[in-house]
Amino acid sequence: MRSLTRSTDPDYWLEQMFAAKAARTGGVVRRSRLWVDREVGRDRFIRAVRLRGFHLIRTADQFIVVCHDGPVEMMF
């Protein structure tokens, strides 16, 4: 089994994010765009969200992941 190091392994970072209670229970997780770019890379992050069927919102300097595949409605 290989050792996973948080600062150098993007798979570890993604596993931790999607293992969070909010992600597992259909909630919302938020990450800064700079953090995503540094730890995982934007393309890899987007693929991971799509693979799970989740919704991704970009706002200002944040990514917001809605961790379910149901409808999302912007209210205003």
N, C-alpha and C. Protein backbone atom coordinates (compact mmCIF):
# COMPACT_ATOMS: atom_id res chain seq x y z
N MET A 1 0.84 -1.19 0.00
CA MET A 1 0.00 0.00 0.00
C MET A 1 0.88 1.24 0.00
N ARG A 2 0.60 2.17 -0.89
CA ARG A 2 1.43 3.36 -0.96
C ARG A 2 1.01 4.38 0.09
N SER A 3 1.94 5.16 0.50
CA SER A 3 1.68 6.20 1.49
C SER A 3 1.14 7.44 0.78
N LEU A 4 0.07 8.00 1.31
CA LEU A 4 -0.51 9.20 0.73
C LEU A 4 -0.14 10.40 1.59
N THR A 5 0.39 11.42 0.96
CA THR A 5 0.77 12.63 1.66
C THR A 5 -0.13 13.76 1.20
N ARG A 6 -0.79 14.40 2.13
CA ARG A 6 -1.77 15.44 1.82
C ARG A 6 -1.21 16.52 0.91
N SER A 7 -0.03 17.00 1.18
CA SER A 7 0.49 18.13 0.43
C SER A 7 0.94 17.76 -0.98
N THR A 8 1.13 16.48 -1.27
CA THR A 8 1.64 16.12 -2.58
C THR A 8 0.74 15.17 -3.36
N ASP A 9 -0.29 14.64 -2.76
CA ASP A 9 -1.12 13.65 -3.45
C ASP A 9 -2.54 14.17 -3.65
N PRO A 10 -2.89 14.56 -4.88
CA PRO A 10 -4.22 15.09 -5.14
C PRO A 10 -5.33 14.08 -4.86
N ASP A 11 -5.06 12.78 -5.03
CA ASP A 11 -6.07 11.77 -4.74
C ASP A 11 -6.44 11.77 -3.25
N TYR A 12 -5.45 11.93 -2.40
CA TYR A 12 -5.70 12.01 -0.96
C TYR A 12 -6.59 13.21 -0.65
N TRP A 13 -6.27 14.36 -1.24
CA TRP A 13 -7.04 15.58 -1.02
C TRP A 13 -8.50 15.38 -1.42
N LEU A 14 -8.72 14.79 -2.61
CA LEU A 14 -10.09 14.55 -3.07
C LEU A 14 -10.82 13.54 -2.19
N GLU A 15 -10.13 12.47 -1.79
CA GLU A 15 -10.74 11.48 -0.90
C GLU A 15 -11.21 12.13 0.39
N GLN A 16 -10.37 12.99 0.96
CA GLN A 16 -10.73 13.67 2.21
C GLN A 16 -11.92 14.59 2.02
N MET A 17 -11.94 15.33 0.94
CA MET A 17 -13.04 16.26 0.71
C MET A 17 -14.37 15.53 0.56
N PHE A 18 -14.39 14.47 -0.26
CA PHE A 18 -15.64 13.77 -0.51
C PHE A 18 -15.99 12.77 0.60
N ALA A 19 -15.10 12.58 1.56
CA ALA A 19 -15.40 11.76 2.73
C ALA A 19 -16.02 12.59 3.85
N ALA A 20 -16.01 13.90 3.71
CA ALA A 20 -16.60 14.77 4.72
C ALA A 20 -18.09 14.46 4.87
N LYS A 21 -18.59 14.64 6.07
CA LYS A 21 -19.99 14.32 6.35
C LYS A 21 -20.94 15.07 5.40
N ALA A 22 -20.66 16.34 5.14
CA ALA A 22 -21.52 17.12 4.25
C ALA A 22 -21.58 16.49 2.87
N ALA A 23 -20.46 16.02 2.36
CA ALA A 23 -20.43 15.41 1.04
C ALA A 23 -21.17 14.08 1.03
N ARG A 24 -21.02 13.32 2.09
CA ARG A 24 -21.65 11.99 2.16
C ARG A 24 -23.16 12.06 2.35
N THR A 25 -23.64 13.16 2.91
CA THR A 25 -25.07 13.25 3.23
C THR A 25 -25.85 14.21 2.33
N GLY A 26 -25.26 14.59 1.19
CA GLY A 26 -25.97 15.43 0.24
C GLY A 26 -25.90 16.90 0.54
N GLY A 27 -24.95 17.31 1.35
CA GLY A 27 -24.80 18.71 1.71
C GLY A 27 -23.93 19.48 0.73
N VAL A 28 -23.29 20.50 1.25
CA VAL A 28 -22.49 21.41 0.44
C VAL A 28 -21.08 21.48 1.02
N VAL A 29 -20.08 21.45 0.15
CA VAL A 29 -18.70 21.71 0.57
C VAL A 29 -18.18 22.88 -0.25
N ARG A 30 -17.29 23.64 0.36
CA ARG A 30 -16.77 24.85 -0.27
C ARG A 30 -15.25 24.83 -0.18
N ARG A 31 -14.60 25.22 -1.26
CA ARG A 31 -13.14 25.29 -1.29
C ARG A 31 -12.73 26.53 -2.08
N SER A 32 -11.64 27.15 -1.67
CA SER A 32 -11.16 28.31 -2.42
C SER A 32 -10.60 27.85 -3.75
N ARG A 33 -10.75 28.69 -4.76
CA ARG A 33 -10.23 28.36 -6.08
C ARG A 33 -8.71 28.21 -6.05
N LEU A 34 -8.03 29.03 -5.30
CA LEU A 34 -6.57 28.93 -5.20
C LEU A 34 -6.16 27.61 -4.57
N TRP A 35 -6.90 27.18 -3.54
CA TRP A 35 -6.60 25.90 -2.88
C TRP A 35 -6.77 24.73 -3.86
N VAL A 36 -7.87 24.77 -4.61
CA VAL A 36 -8.12 23.71 -5.61
C VAL A 36 -6.99 23.69 -6.63
N ASP A 37 -6.63 24.85 -7.15
CA ASP A 37 -5.57 24.91 -8.16
C ASP A 37 -4.25 24.38 -7.60
N ARG A 38 -3.95 24.69 -6.36
CA ARG A 38 -2.68 24.28 -5.74
C ARG A 38 -2.67 22.80 -5.36
N GLU A 39 -3.73 22.30 -4.78
CA GLU A 39 -3.74 20.95 -4.22
C GLU A 39 -4.10 19.86 -5.24
N VAL A 40 -5.00 20.17 -6.17
CA VAL A 40 -5.53 19.14 -7.07
C VAL A 40 -5.38 19.52 -8.54
N GLY A 41 -5.62 20.75 -8.84
CA GLY A 41 -5.71 21.20 -10.23
C GLY A 41 -7.18 21.30 -10.61
N ARG A 42 -7.51 22.35 -11.28
CA ARG A 42 -8.91 22.65 -11.59
C ARG A 42 -9.56 21.56 -12.44
N ASP A 43 -8.89 21.11 -13.49
CA ASP A 43 -9.48 20.09 -14.37
C ASP A 43 -9.77 18.80 -13.61
N ARG A 44 -8.84 18.38 -12.79
CA ARG A 44 -9.03 17.14 -12.02
C ARG A 44 -10.19 17.29 -11.03
N PHE A 45 -10.28 18.46 -10.40
CA PHE A 45 -11.36 18.75 -9.45
C PHE A 45 -12.71 18.68 -10.16
N ILE A 46 -12.82 19.33 -11.31
CA ILE A 46 -14.07 19.33 -12.06
C ILE A 46 -14.45 17.90 -12.47
N ARG A 47 -13.48 17.12 -12.93
CA ARG A 47 -13.76 15.72 -13.29
C ARG A 47 -14.28 14.93 -12.09
N ALA A 48 -13.68 15.15 -10.91
CA ALA A 48 -14.10 14.42 -9.70
C ALA A 48 -15.53 14.77 -9.32
N VAL A 49 -15.90 16.04 -9.46
CA VAL A 49 -17.27 16.46 -9.15
C VAL A 49 -18.24 15.84 -10.15
N ARG A 50 -17.91 15.91 -11.42
CA ARG A 50 -18.76 15.33 -12.47
C ARG A 50 -18.94 13.83 -12.30
N LEU A 51 -17.85 13.15 -12.00
CA LEU A 51 -17.87 11.69 -11.82
C LEU A 51 -18.90 11.29 -10.77
N ARG A 52 -19.05 12.10 -9.75
CA ARG A 52 -20.00 11.81 -8.67
C ARG A 52 -21.41 12.29 -8.98
N GLY A 53 -21.59 13.02 -10.08
CA GLY A 53 -22.91 13.52 -10.44
C GLY A 53 -23.33 14.73 -9.63
N PHE A 54 -22.37 15.42 -9.00
CA PHE A 54 -22.66 16.58 -8.17
C PHE A 54 -22.70 17.85 -9.02
N HIS A 55 -23.09 18.95 -8.39
CA HIS A 55 -23.15 20.25 -9.05
C HIS A 55 -21.99 21.11 -8.56
N LEU A 56 -21.40 21.90 -9.46
CA LEU A 56 -20.28 22.77 -9.10
C LEU A 56 -20.64 24.21 -9.45
N ILE A 57 -20.48 25.08 -8.47
CA ILE A 57 -20.76 26.51 -8.64
C ILE A 57 -19.46 27.26 -8.37
N ARG A 58 -19.14 28.20 -9.25
CA ARG A 58 -17.98 29.06 -9.01
C ARG A 58 -18.51 30.45 -8.68
N THR A 59 -18.04 31.01 -7.58
CA THR A 59 -18.44 32.35 -7.19
C THR A 59 -17.25 33.06 -6.57
N ALA A 60 -16.98 34.25 -7.04
CA ALA A 60 -15.82 35.02 -6.56
C ALA A 60 -14.60 34.11 -6.54
N ASP A 61 -14.02 33.89 -5.36
CA ASP A 61 -12.82 33.05 -5.27
C ASP A 61 -13.10 31.68 -4.67
N GLN A 62 -14.35 31.24 -4.75
CA GLN A 62 -14.74 29.97 -4.15
C GLN A 62 -15.38 29.02 -5.16
N PHE A 63 -15.19 27.73 -4.91
CA PHE A 63 -15.96 26.69 -5.57
C PHE A 63 -16.92 26.14 -4.53
N ILE A 64 -18.16 25.97 -4.91
CA ILE A 64 -19.18 25.39 -4.04
C ILE A 64 -19.65 24.11 -4.73
N VAL A 65 -19.58 23.00 -4.00
CA VAL A 65 -20.02 21.72 -4.55
C VAL A 65 -21.29 21.32 -3.82
N VAL A 66 -22.37 21.15 -4.59
CA VAL A 66 -23.63 20.66 -4.05
C VAL A 66 -23.59 19.15 -4.25
N CYS A 67 -23.52 18.44 -3.14
CA CYS A 67 -23.19 17.01 -3.16
C CYS A 67 -24.41 16.10 -3.30
N HIS A 68 -25.18 16.35 -4.33
CA HIS A 68 -26.27 15.46 -4.73
C HIS A 68 -26.54 15.69 -6.20
N ASP A 69 -27.32 14.82 -6.80
CA ASP A 69 -27.59 14.95 -8.23
C ASP A 69 -28.97 15.49 -8.53
N GLY A 70 -29.68 15.97 -7.53
CA GLY A 70 -31.01 16.53 -7.72
C GLY A 70 -30.95 17.92 -8.32
N PRO A 71 -32.12 18.48 -8.62
CA PRO A 71 -32.16 19.81 -9.23
C PRO A 71 -31.61 20.88 -8.30
N VAL A 72 -31.04 21.91 -8.91
CA VAL A 72 -30.54 23.08 -8.19
C VAL A 72 -31.17 24.30 -8.84
N GLU A 73 -31.74 25.19 -8.05
CA GLU A 73 -32.40 26.36 -8.59
C GLU A 73 -31.76 27.61 -7.98
N MET A 74 -31.33 28.54 -8.84
CA MET A 74 -30.81 29.83 -8.36
C MET A 74 -32.04 30.71 -8.10
N MET A 75 -32.19 31.19 -6.91
CA MET A 75 -33.38 31.94 -6.52
C MET A 75 -33.33 33.40 -6.98
N PHE A 76 -32.17 34.00 -6.96
CA PHE A 76 -32.01 35.37 -7.45
C PHE A 76 -30.56 35.68 -7.62
